Amino acid sequence: MKNFQQNLQKLEATDTQVLGVSMDSPFANRAFADQIGVTFPLLSDWGGEVTHSTVYTWTNTRPRVA
């Protein structure tokens, strides 16, 4: 995420919208964003419906293709 933040202006200059998605609560996302200095939106997928419907998710430390 820090890499996206560091390159945010370059990405936005190419008409790219940066979003983060996490299964954490909105409150946890805000605390995390504040802690690492992220200014782009972090979306909360509380319960994981969107995350689990994507093709690529992480299980423990290994990727899993759905």
PDB file of N, CA and C in Angstrom:
ATOM      1  N   MET A   1       0.814  -1.192   0.000  1.00  0.00           N
ATOM      2  CA  MET A   1       0.000   0.000   0.000  1.00  0.00           C
ATOM      3  C   MET A   1       0.853   1.250   0.000  1.00  0.00           C
ATOM      4  N   LYS A   2       1.974   1.188   0.691  1.00  0.00           N
ATOM      5  CA  LYS A   2       2.837   2.365   0.713  1.00  0.00           C
ATOM      6  C   LYS A   2       3.332   2.689  -0.693  1.00  0.00           C
ATOM      7  N   ASN A   3       3.588   1.665  -1.492  1.00  0.00           N
ATOM      8  CA  ASN A   3       4.038   1.883  -2.864  1.00  0.00           C
ATOM      9  C   ASN A   3       2.963   2.597  -3.682  1.00  0.00           C
ATOM     10  N   PHE A   4       1.715   2.193  -3.513  1.00  0.00           N
ATOM     11  CA  PHE A   4       0.621   2.882  -4.207  1.00  0.00           C
ATOM     12  C   PHE A   4       0.544   4.337  -3.760  1.00  0.00           C
ATOM     13  N   GLN A   5       0.702   4.569  -2.458  1.00  0.00           N
ATOM     14  CA  GLN A   5       0.653   5.929  -1.947  1.00  0.00           C
ATOM     15  C   GLN A   5       1.791   6.767  -2.516  1.00  0.00           C
ATOM     16  N   GLN A   6       2.991   6.187  -2.566  1.00  0.00           N
ATOM     17  CA  GLN A   6       4.145   6.909  -3.091  1.00  0.00           C
ATOM     18  C   GLN A   6       3.966   7.272  -4.565  1.00  0.00           C
ATOM     19  N   ASN A   7       3.220   6.467  -5.297  1.00  0.00           N
ATOM     20  CA  ASN A   7       3.015   6.691  -6.723  1.00  0.00           C
ATOM     21  C   ASN A   7       1.623   7.213  -7.052  1.00  0.00           C
ATOM     22  N   LEU A   8       0.909   7.685  -6.046  1.00  0.00           N
ATOM     23  CA  LEU A   8      -0.483   8.083  -6.230  1.00  0.00           C
ATOM     24  C   LEU A   8      -0.639   9.188  -7.273  1.00  0.00           C
ATOM     25  N   GLN A   9       0.199  10.191  -7.230  1.00  0.00           N
ATOM     26  CA  GLN A   9       0.075  11.285  -8.198  1.00  0.00           C
ATOM     27  C   GLN A   9       0.294  10.797  -9.620  1.00  0.00           C
ATOM     28  N   LYS A  10       1.269   9.913  -9.823  1.00  0.00           N
ATOM     29  CA  LYS A  10       1.521   9.358 -11.155  1.00  0.00           C
ATOM     30  C   LYS A  10       0.315   8.546 -11.629  1.00  0.00           C
ATOM     31  N   LEU A  11      -0.249   7.752 -10.739  1.00  0.00           N
ATOM     32  CA  LEU A  11      -1.400   6.929 -11.095  1.00  0.00           C
ATOM     33  C   LEU A  11      -2.608   7.802 -11.430  1.00  0.00           C
ATOM     34  N   GLU A  12      -2.854   8.797 -10.603  1.00  0.00           N
ATOM     35  CA  GLU A  12      -3.993   9.679 -10.844  1.00  0.00           C
ATOM     36  C   GLU A  12      -3.809  10.481 -12.120  1.00  0.00           C
ATOM     37  N   ALA A  13      -2.567  10.780 -12.498  1.00  0.00           N
ATOM     38  CA  ALA A  13      -2.291  11.506 -13.738  1.00  0.00           C
ATOM     39  C   ALA A  13      -2.659  10.682 -14.964  1.00  0.00           C
ATOM     40  N   THR A  14      -2.730   9.361 -14.804  1.00  0.00           N
ATOM     41  CA  THR A  14      -3.138   8.478 -15.902  1.00  0.00           C
ATOM     42  C   THR A  14      -4.610   8.096 -15.774  1.00  0.00           C
ATOM     43  N   ASP A  15      -5.348   8.906 -15.006  1.00  0.00           N
ATOM     44  CA  ASP A  15      -6.783   8.703 -14.808  1.00  0.00           C
ATOM     45  C   ASP A  15      -7.087   7.363 -14.131  1.00  0.00           C
ATOM     46  N   THR A  16      -6.232   6.992 -13.188  1.00  0.00           N
ATOM     47  CA  THR A  16      -6.397   5.749 -12.430  1.00  0.00           C
ATOM     48  C   THR A  16      -6.870   6.074 -11.020  1.00  0.00           C
ATOM     49  N   GLN A  17      -7.905   5.389 -10.575  1.00  0.00           N
ATOM     50  CA  GLN A  17      -8.403   5.537  -9.207  1.00  0.00           C
ATOM     51  C   GLN A  17      -7.851   4.390  -8.371  1.00  0.00           C
ATOM     52  N   VAL A  18      -7.130   4.707  -7.323  1.00  0.00           N
ATOM     53  CA  VAL A  18      -6.560   3.693  -6.440  1.00  0.00           C
ATOM     54  C   VAL A  18      -7.516   3.468  -5.278  1.00  0.00           C
ATOM     55  N   LEU A  19      -7.832   2.200  -5.026  1.00  0.00           N
ATOM     56  CA  LEU A  19      -8.680   1.790  -3.912  1.00  0.00           C
ATOM     57  C   LEU A  19      -8.030   0.598  -3.225  1.00  0.00           C
ATOM     58  N   GLY A  20      -8.162   0.528  -1.925  1.00  0.00           N
ATOM     59  CA  GLY A  20      -7.747  -0.656  -1.198  1.00  0.00           C
ATOM     60  C   GLY A  20      -8.990  -1.386  -0.717  1.00  0.00           C
ATOM     61  N   VAL A  21      -8.934  -2.711  -0.679  1.00  0.00           N
ATOM     62  CA  VAL A  21     -10.059  -3.512  -0.188  1.00  0.00           C
ATOM     63  C   VAL A  21      -9.539  -4.439   0.901  1.00  0.00           C
ATOM     64  N   SER A  22     -10.242  -4.466   2.016  1.00  0.00           N
ATOM     65  CA  SER A  22      -9.843  -5.288   3.146  1.00  0.00           C
ATOM     66  C   SER A  22     -11.079  -5.893   3.794  1.00  0.00           C
ATOM     67  N   MET A  23     -10.922  -7.059   4.385  1.00  0.00           N
ATOM     68  CA  MET A  23     -12.027  -7.669   5.111  1.00  0.00           C
ATOM     69  C   MET A  23     -12.105  -7.158   6.545  1.00  0.00           C
ATOM     70  N   ASP A  24     -11.269  -6.181   6.876  1.00  0.00           N
ATOM     71  CA  ASP A  24     -11.323  -5.563   8.200  1.00  0.00           C
ATOM     72  C   ASP A  24     -12.476  -4.569   8.272  1.00  0.00           C
ATOM     73  N   SER A  25     -12.798  -4.146   9.475  1.00  0.00           N
ATOM     74  CA  SER A  25     -13.871  -3.175   9.679  1.00  0.00           C
ATOM     75  C   SER A  25     -13.453  -1.803   9.161  1.00  0.00           C
ATOM     76  N   PRO A  26     -14.415  -0.933   8.875  1.00  0.00           N
ATOM     77  CA  PRO A  26     -14.071   0.430   8.459  1.00  0.00           C
ATOM     78  C   PRO A  26     -13.198   1.139   9.500  1.00  0.00           C
ATOM     79  N   PHE A  27     -13.442   0.870  10.774  1.00  0.00           N
ATOM     80  CA  PHE A  27     -12.657   1.496  11.837  1.00  0.00           C
ATOM     81  C   PHE A  27     -11.201   1.027  11.806  1.00  0.00           C
ATOM     82  N   ALA A  28     -11.005  -0.271  11.582  1.00  0.00           N
ATOM     83  CA  ALA A  28      -9.647  -0.816  11.476  1.00  0.00           C
ATOM     84  C   ALA A  28      -8.952  -0.277  10.233  1.00  0.00           C
ATOM     85  N   ASN A  29      -9.695  -0.158   9.137  1.00  0.00           N
ATOM     86  CA  ASN A  29      -9.119   0.393   7.905  1.00  0.00           C
ATOM     87  C   ASN A  29      -8.656   1.827   8.117  1.00  0.00           C
ATOM     88  N   ARG A  30      -9.461   2.631   8.810  1.00  0.00           N
ATOM     89  CA  ARG A  30      -9.097   4.032   9.059  1.00  0.00           C
ATOM     90  C   ARG A  30      -7.839   4.102   9.918  1.00  0.00           C
ATOM     91  N   ALA A  31      -7.769   3.285  10.964  1.00  0.00           N
ATOM     92  CA  ALA A  31      -6.596   3.278  11.840  1.00  0.00           C
ATOM     93  C   ALA A  31      -5.350   2.859  11.060  1.00  0.00           C
ATOM     94  N   PHE A  32      -5.492   1.856  10.209  1.00  0.00           N
ATOM     95  CA  PHE A  32      -4.376   1.380   9.391  1.00  0.00           C
ATOM     96  C   PHE A  32      -3.926   2.468   8.422  1.00  0.00           C
ATOM     97  N   ALA A  33      -4.875   3.103   7.749  1.00  0.00           N
ATOM     98  CA  ALA A  33      -4.549   4.171   6.796  1.00  0.00           C
ATOM     99  C   ALA A  33      -3.832   5.315   7.500  1.00  0.00           C
ATOM    100  N   ASP A  34      -4.323   5.695   8.659  1.00  0.00           N
ATOM    101  CA  ASP A  34      -3.693   6.767   9.423  1.00  0.00           C
ATOM    102  C   ASP A  34      -2.274   6.386   9.844  1.00  0.00           C
ATOM    103  N   GLN A  35      -2.110   5.136  10.235  1.00  0.00           N
ATOM    104  CA  GLN A  35      -0.815   4.659  10.723  1.00  0.00           C
ATOM    105  C   GLN A  35       0.247   4.681   9.622  1.00  0.00           C
ATOM    106  N   ILE A  36      -0.122   4.308   8.394  1.00  0.00           N
ATOM    107  CA  ILE A  36       0.881   4.229   7.331  1.00  0.00           C
ATOM    108  C   ILE A  36       0.804   5.403   6.354  1.00  0.00           C
ATOM    109  N   GLY A  37      -0.120   6.333   6.578  1.00  0.00           N
ATOM    110  CA  GLY A  37      -0.185   7.537   5.760  1.00  0.00           C
ATOM    111  C   GLY A  37      -0.865   7.387   4.418  1.00  0.00           C
ATOM    112  N   VAL A  38      -1.790   6.456   4.303  1.00  0.00           N
ATOM    113  CA  VAL A  38      -2.527   6.251   3.056  1.00  0.00           C
ATOM    114  C   VAL A  38      -3.659   7.266   2.960  1.00  0.00           C
ATOM    115  N   THR A  39      -3.773   7.934   1.804  1.00  0.00           N
ATOM    116  CA  THR A  39      -4.825   8.930   1.619  1.00  0.00           C
ATOM    117  C   THR A  39      -5.908   8.491   0.642  1.00  0.00           C
ATOM    118  N   PHE A  40      -5.688   7.381  -0.076  1.00  0.00           N
ATOM    119  CA  PHE A  40      -6.724   6.888  -0.979  1.00  0.00           C
ATOM    120  C   PHE A  40      -7.727   6.043  -0.206  1.00  0.00           C
ATOM    121  N   PRO A  41      -8.931   5.847  -0.740  1.00  0.00           N
ATOM    122  CA  PRO A  41      -9.972   5.123  -0.004  1.00  0.00           C
ATOM    123  C   PRO A  41      -9.616   3.657   0.258  1.00  0.00           C
ATOM    124  N   LEU A  42      -9.905   3.214   1.471  1.00  0.00           N
ATOM    125  CA  LEU A  42      -9.812   1.801   1.827  1.00  0.00           C
ATOM    126  C   LEU A  42     -11.240   1.321   2.060  1.00  0.00           C
ATOM    127  N   LEU A  43     -11.649   0.366   1.273  1.00  0.00           N
ATOM    128  CA  LEU A  43     -13.017  -0.144   1.341  1.00  0.00           C
ATOM    129  C   LEU A  43     -13.081  -1.356   2.261  1.00  0.00           C
ATOM    130  N   SER A  44     -14.131  -1.436   3.046  1.00  0.00           N
ATOM    131  CA  SER A  44     -14.309  -2.546   3.971  1.00  0.00           C
ATOM    132  C   SER A  44     -15.234  -3.591   3.365  1.00  0.00           C
ATOM    133  N   ASP A  45     -14.713  -4.790   3.212  1.00  0.00           N
ATOM    134  CA  ASP A  45     -15.499  -5.933   2.741  1.00  0.00           C
ATOM    135  C   ASP A  45     -15.787  -6.815   3.950  1.00  0.00           C
ATOM    136  N   TRP A  46     -16.456  -6.221   4.928  1.00  0.00           N
ATOM    137  CA  TRP A  46     -16.762  -6.901   6.187  1.00  0.00           C
ATOM    138  C   TRP A  46     -17.553  -8.161   5.886  1.00  0.00           C
ATOM    139  N   GLY A  47     -17.029  -9.295   6.228  1.00  0.00           N
ATOM    140  CA  GLY A  47     -17.663 -10.569   5.937  1.00  0.00           C
ATOM    141  C   GLY A  47     -17.054 -11.259   4.730  1.00  0.00           C
ATOM    142  N   GLY A  48     -16.346 -10.515   3.885  1.00  0.00           N
ATOM    143  CA  GLY A  48     -15.576 -11.114   2.801  1.00  0.00           C
ATOM    144  C   GLY A  48     -16.334 -11.510   1.554  1.00  0.00           C
ATOM    145  N   GLU A  49     -17.561 -11.053   1.378  1.00  0.00           N
ATOM    146  CA  GLU A  49     -18.349 -11.467   0.209  1.00  0.00           C
ATOM    147  C   GLU A  49     -17.646 -11.123  -1.106  1.00  0.00           C
ATOM    148  N   VAL A  50     -17.174  -9.905  -1.226  1.00  0.00           N
ATOM    149  CA  VAL A  50     -16.493  -9.493  -2.460  1.00  0.00           C
ATOM    150  C   VAL A  50     -15.140 -10.175  -2.580  1.00  0.00           C
ATOM    151  N   THR A  51     -14.408 -10.202  -1.484  1.00  0.00           N
ATOM    152  CA  THR A  51     -13.077 -10.808  -1.501  1.00  0.00           C
ATOM    153  C   THR A  51     -13.143 -12.271  -1.929  1.00  0.00           C
ATOM    154  N   HIS A  52     -14.075 -13.011  -1.403  1.00  0.00           N
ATOM    155  CA  HIS A  52     -14.175 -14.436  -1.728  1.00  0.00           C
ATOM    156  C   HIS A  52     -14.762 -14.681  -3.114  1.00  0.00           C
ATOM    157  N   SER A  53     -15.375 -13.672  -3.704  1.00  0.00           N
ATOM    158  CA  SER A  53     -15.930 -13.857  -5.048  1.00  0.00           C
ATOM    159  C   SER A  53     -14.913 -13.515  -6.135  1.00  0.00           C
ATOM    160  N   THR A  54     -13.756 -12.983  -5.751  1.00  0.00           N
ATOM    161  CA  THR A  54     -12.730 -12.671  -6.741  1.00  0.00           C
ATOM    162  C   THR A  54     -11.967 -13.928  -7.114  1.00  0.00           C
ATOM    163  N   VAL A  55     -11.268 -13.857  -8.207  1.00  0.00           N
ATOM    164  CA  VAL A  55     -10.533 -15.014  -8.706  1.00  0.00           C
ATOM    165  C   VAL A  55      -9.301 -15.302  -7.852  1.00  0.00           C
ATOM    166  N   TYR A  56      -8.739 -14.292  -7.243  1.00  0.00           N
ATOM    167  CA  TYR A  56      -7.450 -14.433  -6.574  1.00  0.00           C
ATOM    168  C   TYR A  56      -7.538 -13.946  -5.136  1.00  0.00           C
ATOM    169  N   THR A  57      -7.393 -14.818  -4.180  1.00  0.00           N
ATOM    170  CA  THR A  57      -7.373 -14.439  -2.775  1.00  0.00           C
ATOM    171  C   THR A  57      -6.168 -15.081  -2.107  1.00  0.00           C
ATOM    172  N   TRP A  58      -5.832 -14.614  -0.920  1.00  0.00           N
ATOM    173  CA  TRP A  58      -4.706 -15.167  -0.175  1.00  0.00           C
ATOM    174  C   TRP A  58      -5.221 -16.036   0.962  1.00  0.00           C
ATOM    175  N   THR A  59      -4.603 -17.214   1.112  1.00  0.00           N
ATOM    176  CA  THR A  59      -4.908 -18.113   2.208  1.00  0.00           C
ATOM    177  C   THR A  59      -3.631 -18.284   3.012  1.00  0.00           C
ATOM    178  N   ASN A  60      -3.639 -17.842   4.242  1.00  0.00           N
ATOM    179  CA  ASN A  60      -2.429 -17.830   5.079  1.00  0.00           C
ATOM    180  C   ASN A  60      -1.351 -17.032   4.354  1.00  0.00           C
ATOM    181  N   THR A  61      -0.309 -17.686   3.885  1.00  0.00           N
ATOM    182  CA  THR A  61       0.768 -16.969   3.211  1.00  0.00           C
ATOM    183  C   THR A  61       0.882 -17.352   1.734  1.00  0.00           C
ATOM    184  N   ARG A  62      -0.062 -18.145   1.238  1.00  0.00           N
ATOM    185  CA  ARG A  62      -0.002 -18.574  -0.156  1.00  0.00           C
ATOM    186  C   ARG A  62      -1.230 -18.111  -0.915  1.00  0.00           C
ATOM    187  N   PRO A  63      -1.056 -17.712  -2.179  1.00  0.00           N
ATOM    188  CA  PRO A  63      -2.234 -17.325  -2.964  1.00  0.00           C
ATOM    189  C   PRO A  63      -3.089 -18.528  -3.310  1.00  0.00           C
ATOM    190  N   ARG A  64      -4.385 -18.299  -3.434  1.00  0.00           N
ATOM    191  CA  ARG A  64      -5.316 -19.344  -3.840  1.00  0.00           C
ATOM    192  C   ARG A  64      -6.127 -18.797  -5.007  1.00  0.00           C
ATOM    193  N   VAL A  65      -6.164 -19.557  -6.083  1.00  0.00           N
ATOM    194  CA  VAL A  65      -6.968 -19.167  -7.238  1.00  0.00           C
ATOM    195  C   VAL A  65      -8.317 -19.827  -7.101  1.00  0.00           C
ATOM    196  N   ALA A  66      -9.375 -19.029  -7.112  1.00  0.00           N
ATOM    197  CA  ALA A  66     -10.735 -19.554  -6.939  1.00  0.00           C
ATOM    198  C   ALA A  66     -11.250 -20.167  -8.219  1.00  0.00           C
TER     199      ALA A  66
END
